[in-house]
Amino acid sequence: MDSTKDNIKLIGHSGPVYSLDISSDNKFMISGSEDKTVRLWNLDTYSNLVSYRGHNYPVWDVTFSPINLYFASSSFDKTARLWSCEHIYPLRIFAGHLSDVSCVKFHPNGNYLLTGSDDRTVRLWDVQRGKCVRLFTGHSGPITSICISPNGKVAATASTLMNKKRMLNKSENMIKVWDLGSGKLMDEFLGHDEPVYSLCFNHESNLLLSGSADGSVKAWKINVGNDRSKFRNSLNTENSDSSISRTKYFGNLAAGNNTMGNGPSIDGNRPLDNLKQSGDNTGNDVASNVKKEEDLIKFKDDSNREKEKPSEGLLRSWSTVNTSVISVKFSTRNLGIAIGSYKSS
């Protein structure tokens, strides 16, 4: 421990620290690092108690369970792991993602774990059985942030597209809201210009805050109790499997690895009107090329207008001068709090 008047430095990791979480009683803190370990810290003595080893690659995210005895971690090794503070080896290994698991969150009842991955999927796991009970698909890019509402009924996920796909004028930063009970899509929000780093529900679970690298914080309205999955006719949200065994929390709802069909992708090659045959073939080719260029320009204009259209659920947006927002939270009095890193120009 290195202590000064203004801060306390905790020394232990041999690489960059990517994530932190503090227990609900404010007595302990866990940290995940590039050195492939998770460390438990005592906040009374500011000392390292345990170093947990098991991941084969850097640890991206860590989170405490509502029961402070347990915590979870996610890693570049494509797994998430459940740990007990009293054991140095993991209790469960959640394997199923096809790429690194970038974020992990506990369900408020502590019996389920939500993970987001660079494979563009989100999974809900049964902690006791170690099995995936929900598979949420539909994002077009890596998952950057996830959260679960305090009432445990709704989850929000955010993703961003890779640079190559940005050339297609698609909206690259998407927030989706899911019904955990049915696995259906409730809503989706567009508005951020850069990746969304943090999501948080208010205590009533009817308001969602999002913080982004574009330096803005946005508030979105959540219509809890209304099934808005039908607003996207192109999405296949009928993803229940009655043959899968049921879980205690979801009652009579099937707890299978439910999936959603991907919506139709935007295609720039729109059907062209039939051109009348006149003159020689060279003239027809020139006319055809001109028509294609006009159609392509019109398509790009339409795509840009669609992208700029604000989402229906946006309530308010707050912007910073030049600060990437890396975390948003609600206080016990439902006051929104944002944390960012200022970039000097």
Protein backbone atom coordinates (compact mmCIF):
# COMPACT_ATOMS: atom_id res chain seq x y z
CA MET A 1 0.00 0.00 0.00
CA ASP A 2 1.29 3.42 -1.00
CA SER A 3 -0.56 6.18 0.88
CA THR A 4 -0.53 9.93 0.34
CA LYS A 5 -2.73 12.72 1.61
CA ASP A 6 -5.17 12.61 -1.30
CA ASN A 7 -5.20 8.96 -2.36
CA ILE A 8 -4.28 5.39 -1.50
CA LYS A 9 -2.52 3.18 -4.01
CA LEU A 10 -3.16 -0.56 -3.86
CA ILE A 11 -0.24 -2.51 -5.31
CA GLY A 12 -0.47 -6.13 -6.36
CA HIS A 13 -1.30 -6.65 -10.02
CA SER A 14 1.52 -7.02 -12.53
CA GLY A 15 -0.50 -5.58 -15.43
CA PRO A 16 -3.19 -3.00 -16.22
CA VAL A 17 -6.39 -3.24 -14.16
CA TYR A 18 -9.50 -3.31 -16.38
CA SER A 19 -12.34 -3.55 -13.86
CA LEU A 20 -13.27 -3.02 -10.22
CA ASP A 21 -16.28 -3.73 -8.04
CA ILE A 22 -17.04 -3.04 -4.39
CA SER A 23 -19.19 -5.26 -2.17
CA SER A 24 -22.56 -3.96 -1.01
CA ASP A 25 -21.29 -3.60 2.57
CA ASN A 26 -18.31 -1.51 1.33
CA LYS A 27 -15.82 -3.77 3.09
CA PHE A 28 -14.21 -5.52 0.12
CA MET A 29 -13.17 -4.77 -3.44
CA ILE A 30 -12.29 -7.07 -6.34
CA SER A 31 -10.13 -6.18 -9.33
CA GLY A 32 -9.54 -7.86 -12.69
CA SER A 33 -6.30 -7.42 -14.57
CA GLU A 34 -4.33 -8.17 -17.71
CA ASP A 35 -2.14 -10.44 -15.55
CA LYS A 36 -5.01 -13.04 -15.72
CA THR A 37 -5.82 -12.77 -12.01
CA VAL A 38 -8.62 -11.43 -9.83
CA ARG A 39 -7.62 -9.94 -6.49
CA LEU A 40 -9.69 -9.41 -3.34
CA TRP A 41 -8.89 -6.31 -1.28
CA ASN A 42 -9.80 -5.37 2.29
CA LEU A 43 -10.97 -1.75 2.29
CA ASP A 44 -10.45 -1.38 6.04
CA THR A 45 -6.75 -2.22 5.95
CA TYR A 46 -6.23 -1.52 2.21
CA SER A 47 -4.46 -4.84 1.82
CA ASN A 48 -4.65 -7.67 -0.70
CA LEU A 49 -6.27 -10.75 0.83
CA VAL A 50 -6.39 -13.29 -2.01
CA SER A 51 -5.25 -13.67 -5.62
CA TYR A 52 -7.56 -15.88 -7.70
CA ARG A 53 -5.98 -17.67 -10.64
CA GLY A 54 -7.80 -19.66 -13.32
CA HIS A 55 -8.29 -17.53 -16.40
CA ASN A 56 -5.87 -18.15 -19.24
CA TYR A 57 -6.01 -14.61 -20.62
CA PRO A 58 -6.71 -11.06 -19.38
CA VAL A 59 -9.75 -10.50 -17.18
CA TRP A 60 -12.06 -7.85 -18.65
CA ASP A 61 -14.80 -7.55 -16.04
CA VAL A 62 -15.60 -8.50 -12.43
CA THR A 63 -18.79 -8.15 -10.39
CA PHE A 64 -19.95 -9.01 -6.87
CA SER A 65 -23.04 -11.11 -6.31
CA PRO A 66 -25.90 -9.63 -4.23
CA ILE A 67 -24.63 -12.22 -1.76
CA ASN A 68 -21.20 -10.74 -1.10
CA LEU A 69 -19.62 -14.14 -0.58
CA TYR A 70 -19.57 -14.76 -4.35
CA PHE A 71 -18.33 -12.87 -7.39
CA ALA A 72 -17.96 -13.46 -11.13
CA SER A 73 -15.33 -12.62 -13.73
CA SER A 74 -15.19 -12.57 -17.53
CA SER A 75 -12.15 -12.94 -19.72
CA PHE A 76 -10.51 -12.96 -23.11
CA ASP A 77 -10.43 -16.78 -22.80
CA LYS A 78 -14.13 -16.86 -23.89
CA THR A 79 -15.40 -17.86 -20.43
CA ALA A 80 -17.00 -16.36 -17.37
CA ARG A 81 -16.30 -17.86 -13.95
CA LEU A 82 -18.03 -17.97 -10.58
CA TRP A 83 -15.86 -17.63 -7.49
CA SER A 84 -16.28 -17.78 -3.74
CA CYS A 85 -14.24 -15.41 -1.62
CA GLU A 86 -13.32 -18.43 0.54
CA HIS A 87 -11.88 -20.56 -2.30
CA ILE A 88 -9.00 -19.81 -4.64
CA TYR A 89 -10.42 -21.95 -7.47
CA PRO A 90 -13.58 -21.18 -9.49
CA LEU A 91 -16.84 -22.86 -8.50
CA ARG A 92 -18.33 -22.72 -12.02
CA ILE A 93 -16.99 -22.13 -15.52
CA PHE A 94 -19.53 -20.74 -17.98
CA ALA A 95 -18.39 -21.74 -21.47
CA GLY A 96 -20.36 -21.19 -24.65
CA HIS A 97 -19.37 -17.84 -26.14
CA LEU A 98 -17.35 -17.93 -29.35
CA SER A 99 -15.23 -14.89 -28.52
CA ASP A 100 -13.97 -13.06 -25.45
CA VAL A 101 -16.55 -12.28 -22.77
CA SER A 102 -16.35 -8.53 -22.30
CA CYS A 103 -18.91 -7.90 -19.54
CA VAL A 104 -20.71 -9.78 -16.78
CA LYS A 105 -23.55 -8.90 -14.37
CA PHE A 106 -25.50 -10.75 -11.67
CA HIS A 107 -29.28 -10.94 -11.59
CA PRO A 108 -30.69 -9.20 -8.50
CA ASN A 109 -31.72 -12.54 -7.00
CA GLY A 110 -28.17 -13.87 -7.36
CA ASN A 111 -29.29 -17.06 -9.13
CA TYR A 112 -28.52 -15.93 -12.68
CA LEU A 113 -25.58 -14.39 -14.48
CA LEU A 114 -25.70 -12.24 -17.63
CA THR A 115 -22.71 -12.15 -19.98
CA GLY A 116 -21.97 -10.13 -23.11
CA SER A 117 -19.40 -11.13 -25.70
CA ASP A 118 -17.58 -9.97 -28.80
CA ASP A 119 -19.41 -12.78 -30.63
CA ARG A 120 -22.41 -10.35 -30.70
CA THR A 121 -24.52 -12.43 -28.31
CA VAL A 122 -25.70 -12.11 -24.72
CA ARG A 123 -26.29 -15.16 -22.53
CA LEU A 124 -28.17 -15.71 -19.28
CA TRP A 125 -26.75 -18.49 -17.11
CA ASP A 126 -28.18 -20.53 -14.26
CA VAL A 127 -25.56 -20.12 -11.54
CA GLN A 128 -26.39 -23.34 -9.69
CA ARG A 129 -26.42 -25.59 -12.76
CA GLY A 130 -23.83 -23.70 -14.80
CA LYS A 131 -26.05 -23.88 -17.90
CA CYS A 132 -27.19 -21.24 -20.37
CA VAL A 133 -30.94 -20.64 -20.06
CA ARG A 134 -31.29 -17.73 -22.50
CA LEU A 135 -29.43 -16.74 -25.65
CA PHE A 136 -30.10 -13.22 -26.94
CA THR A 137 -29.09 -12.55 -30.55
CA GLY A 138 -29.70 -9.63 -32.88
CA HIS A 139 -26.79 -7.27 -32.25
CA SER A 140 -24.65 -6.45 -35.28
CA GLY A 141 -21.42 -5.86 -33.38
CA PRO A 142 -19.49 -6.73 -30.21
CA ILE A 143 -21.32 -6.21 -26.91
CA THR A 144 -19.89 -3.24 -25.01
CA SER A 145 -22.18 -3.01 -21.98
CA ILE A 146 -24.99 -4.87 -20.19
CA CYS A 147 -27.22 -4.34 -17.16
CA ILE A 148 -30.27 -5.85 -15.45
CA SER A 149 -33.14 -3.84 -13.99
CA PRO A 150 -33.59 -3.84 -10.18
CA ASN A 151 -36.91 -5.69 -10.51
CA GLY A 152 -35.11 -8.47 -12.37
CA LYS A 153 -37.49 -8.53 -15.33
CA VAL A 154 -35.61 -6.56 -17.98
CA ALA A 155 -32.07 -6.45 -19.34
CA ALA A 156 -30.38 -3.81 -21.51
CA THR A 157 -27.47 -4.50 -23.83
CA ALA A 158 -25.34 -2.24 -26.03
CA SER A 159 -23.15 -2.98 -29.03
CA THR A 160 -21.02 -1.22 -31.62
CA LEU A 161 -20.14 -2.09 -35.20
CA MET A 162 -16.63 -2.50 -36.54
CA ASN A 163 -15.06 0.26 -38.65
CA LYS A 164 -15.56 -1.65 -41.91
CA LYS A 165 -19.32 -1.73 -41.44
CA ARG A 166 -19.52 1.97 -40.68
CA MET A 167 -18.95 2.63 -44.39
CA LEU A 168 -22.40 1.15 -45.09
CA ASN A 169 -24.07 4.04 -43.24
CA LYS A 170 -25.62 1.68 -40.72
CA SER A 171 -26.33 2.89 -37.20
CA GLU A 172 -23.38 1.35 -35.41
CA ASN A 173 -24.22 1.95 -31.73
CA MET A 174 -27.35 0.10 -30.68
CA ILE A 175 -29.05 -0.37 -27.30
CA LYS A 176 -31.53 -3.24 -27.00
CA VAL A 177 -33.96 -3.94 -24.17
CA TRP A 178 -34.99 -7.55 -23.50
CA ASP A 179 -37.68 -9.30 -21.49
CA LEU A 180 -35.76 -11.87 -19.46
CA GLY A 181 -38.82 -14.02 -18.85
CA SER A 182 -39.72 -14.60 -22.48
CA GLY A 183 -36.39 -13.75 -24.12
CA LYS A 184 -38.14 -11.31 -26.46
CA LEU A 185 -36.92 -7.94 -27.66
CA MET A 186 -38.89 -5.12 -26.03
CA ASP A 187 -37.27 -2.07 -27.59
CA GLU A 188 -34.15 -0.74 -29.24
CA PHE A 189 -32.57 2.69 -29.06
CA LEU A 190 -30.30 4.65 -31.40
CA GLY A 191 -28.65 7.99 -30.70
CA HIS A 192 -25.03 7.62 -29.60
CA ASP A 193 -22.27 8.33 -32.11
CA GLU A 194 -19.60 6.27 -30.33
CA PRO A 195 -19.56 3.00 -28.31
CA VAL A 196 -21.77 2.85 -25.22
CA TYR A 197 -19.57 2.04 -22.22
CA SER A 198 -22.17 1.92 -19.45
CA LEU A 199 -25.88 1.27 -18.85
CA CYS A 200 -27.92 1.62 -15.67
CA PHE A 201 -31.60 1.34 -14.70
CA ASN A 202 -33.26 3.54 -12.09
CA HIS A 203 -34.81 1.93 -9.01
CA GLU A 204 -38.27 1.79 -10.57
CA SER A 205 -36.85 0.02 -13.65
CA ASN A 206 -38.66 2.41 -16.01
CA LEU A 207 -35.69 4.63 -16.94
CA LEU A 208 -32.37 3.71 -18.52
CA LEU A 209 -29.20 5.81 -18.51
CA SER A 210 -26.49 5.28 -21.11
CA GLY A 211 -22.99 6.73 -21.16
CA SER A 212 -20.89 6.80 -24.30
CA ALA A 213 -17.46 7.61 -25.70
CA ASP A 214 -19.16 10.41 -27.66
CA GLY A 215 -19.21 12.41 -24.41
CA SER A 216 -22.96 12.23 -23.83
CA VAL A 217 -25.36 10.73 -21.30
CA LYS A 218 -28.84 9.84 -22.49
CA ALA A 219 -32.01 8.91 -20.64
CA TRP A 220 -34.40 6.42 -22.25
CA LYS A 221 -37.96 5.52 -21.33
CA ILE A 222 -38.60 1.84 -20.62
CA ASN A 223 -42.15 0.61 -21.11
CA VAL A 224 -42.17 -2.14 -18.49
CA GLY A 225 -45.09 -4.51 -18.82
CA ASN A 226 -45.74 -3.73 -22.48
CA ASP A 227 -44.66 -6.26 -25.06
CA ARG A 228 -43.18 -4.14 -27.81
CA SER A 229 -41.54 -7.03 -29.62
CA LYS A 230 -44.14 -6.74 -32.39
CA PHE A 231 -42.84 -3.32 -33.42
CA ARG A 232 -40.20 -5.09 -35.50
CA ASN A 233 -42.12 -7.39 -37.83
CA SER A 234 -38.89 -8.45 -39.47
CA LEU A 235 -37.49 -9.86 -36.22
CA ASN A 236 -38.29 -13.42 -35.25
CA THR A 237 -39.03 -13.20 -31.54
CA GLU A 238 -40.85 -16.50 -31.19
CA ASN A 239 -37.95 -18.25 -29.57
CA SER A 240 -39.44 -20.37 -26.80
CA ASP A 241 -38.66 -24.07 -26.61
CA SER A 242 -41.16 -25.96 -24.49
CA SER A 243 -38.97 -29.06 -24.51
CA ILE A 244 -36.36 -27.39 -22.30
CA SER A 245 -36.57 -27.85 -18.55
CA ARG A 246 -37.96 -25.02 -16.40
CA THR A 247 -36.31 -22.97 -13.70
CA LYS A 248 -37.63 -21.71 -10.39
CA TYR A 249 -37.30 -18.02 -11.16
CA PHE A 250 -39.02 -18.02 -14.53
CA GLY A 251 -41.89 -20.26 -13.35
CA ASN A 252 -43.66 -21.98 -16.23
CA LEU A 253 -41.63 -20.24 -18.91
CA ALA A 254 -39.33 -22.46 -20.87
CA ALA A 255 -35.69 -21.96 -19.95
CA GLY A 256 -34.04 -23.01 -23.16
CA ASN A 257 -31.23 -21.43 -25.08
CA ASN A 258 -33.70 -19.15 -26.81
CA THR A 259 -32.54 -17.30 -29.87
CA MET A 260 -33.83 -14.50 -31.98
CA GLY A 261 -33.65 -14.47 -35.71
CA ASN A 262 -31.54 -11.71 -37.13
CA GLY A 263 -33.45 -8.96 -38.89
CA PRO A 264 -32.90 -8.40 -42.58
CA SER A 265 -29.70 -6.56 -43.33
CA ILE A 266 -29.70 -3.33 -45.31
CA ASP A 267 -28.76 -3.97 -48.90
CA GLY A 268 -27.47 -1.18 -51.11
CA ASN A 269 -28.32 -2.99 -54.36
CA ARG A 270 -31.95 -1.94 -54.64
CA PRO A 271 -34.06 -3.18 -57.57
CA LEU A 272 -33.75 -0.91 -60.58
CA ASP A 273 -36.57 0.02 -62.94
CA ASN A 274 -36.51 -1.81 -66.21
CA LEU A 275 -34.84 0.29 -68.86
CA LYS A 276 -36.34 0.46 -72.32
CA GLN A 277 -34.24 -1.07 -75.00
CA SER A 278 -33.25 1.67 -77.45
CA GLY A 279 -30.18 2.31 -79.58
CA ASP A 280 -27.08 0.21 -79.38
CA ASN A 281 -25.88 -1.79 -76.36
CA THR A 282 -23.26 0.81 -75.44
CA GLY A 283 -25.91 3.44 -74.91
CA ASN A 284 -27.90 1.05 -72.76
CA ASP A 285 -24.84 0.34 -70.59
CA VAL A 286 -24.22 4.06 -70.05
CA ALA A 287 -27.86 4.67 -69.13
CA SER A 288 -27.80 1.68 -66.80
CA ASN A 289 -24.66 2.92 -65.03
CA VAL A 290 -26.14 6.42 -64.58
CA LYS A 291 -29.32 4.91 -63.16
CA LYS A 292 -27.32 2.75 -60.73
CA GLU A 293 -25.30 5.77 -59.52
CA GLU A 294 -28.48 7.80 -58.96
CA ASP A 295 -30.08 4.94 -57.08
CA LEU A 296 -26.97 4.46 -54.92
CA ILE A 297 -26.86 8.17 -54.01
CA LYS A 298 -30.56 8.13 -53.18
CA PHE A 299 -30.09 5.03 -51.02
CA LYS A 300 -27.23 6.64 -49.09
CA ASP A 301 -29.31 9.77 -48.49
CA ASP A 302 -32.20 7.64 -47.22
CA SER A 303 -29.84 5.70 -44.94
CA ASN A 304 -28.38 8.89 -43.49
CA ARG A 305 -31.83 10.34 -42.80
CA GLU A 306 -32.89 7.11 -41.11
CA LYS A 307 -29.71 7.09 -39.01
CA GLU A 308 -30.17 10.69 -37.87
CA LYS A 309 -33.75 10.09 -36.77
CA PRO A 310 -33.80 10.01 -32.93
CA SER A 311 -35.24 6.98 -31.18
CA GLU A 312 -38.75 7.27 -29.90
CA GLY A 313 -37.81 6.43 -26.31
CA LEU A 314 -35.22 9.18 -25.86
CA LEU A 315 -36.24 11.48 -23.00
CA ARG A 316 -33.20 13.73 -22.64
CA SER A 317 -29.54 13.98 -23.57
CA TRP A 318 -26.68 15.69 -21.73
CA SER A 319 -23.38 16.43 -23.48
CA THR A 320 -19.90 17.14 -22.16
CA VAL A 321 -17.23 19.29 -23.77
CA ASN A 322 -14.66 16.57 -24.41
CA THR A 323 -15.17 13.79 -21.87
CA SER A 324 -15.78 10.13 -22.67
CA VAL A 325 -18.39 8.81 -20.24
CA ILE A 326 -17.17 5.46 -18.92
CA SER A 327 -19.73 4.81 -16.17
CA VAL A 328 -23.26 5.88 -15.23
CA LYS A 329 -25.10 5.10 -11.98
CA PHE A 330 -28.24 6.01 -10.09
CA SER A 331 -27.93 7.09 -6.47
CA THR A 332 -30.28 5.86 -3.73
CA ARG A 333 -32.34 9.01 -4.38
CA ASN A 334 -32.53 8.27 -8.12
CA LEU A 335 -30.03 10.96 -9.05
CA GLY A 336 -28.04 10.17 -12.18
CA ILE A 337 -24.27 10.12 -11.82
CA ALA A 338 -21.76 10.01 -14.68
CA ILE A 339 -18.00 9.41 -14.54
CA GLY A 340 -15.71 10.23 -17.43
CA SER A 341 -12.17 10.88 -18.58
CA TYR A 342 -11.48 14.37 -19.89
CA LYS A 343 -9.45 14.62 -23.08
CA SER A 344 -7.58 17.86 -23.52
CA SER A 345 -7.71 19.17 -27.07
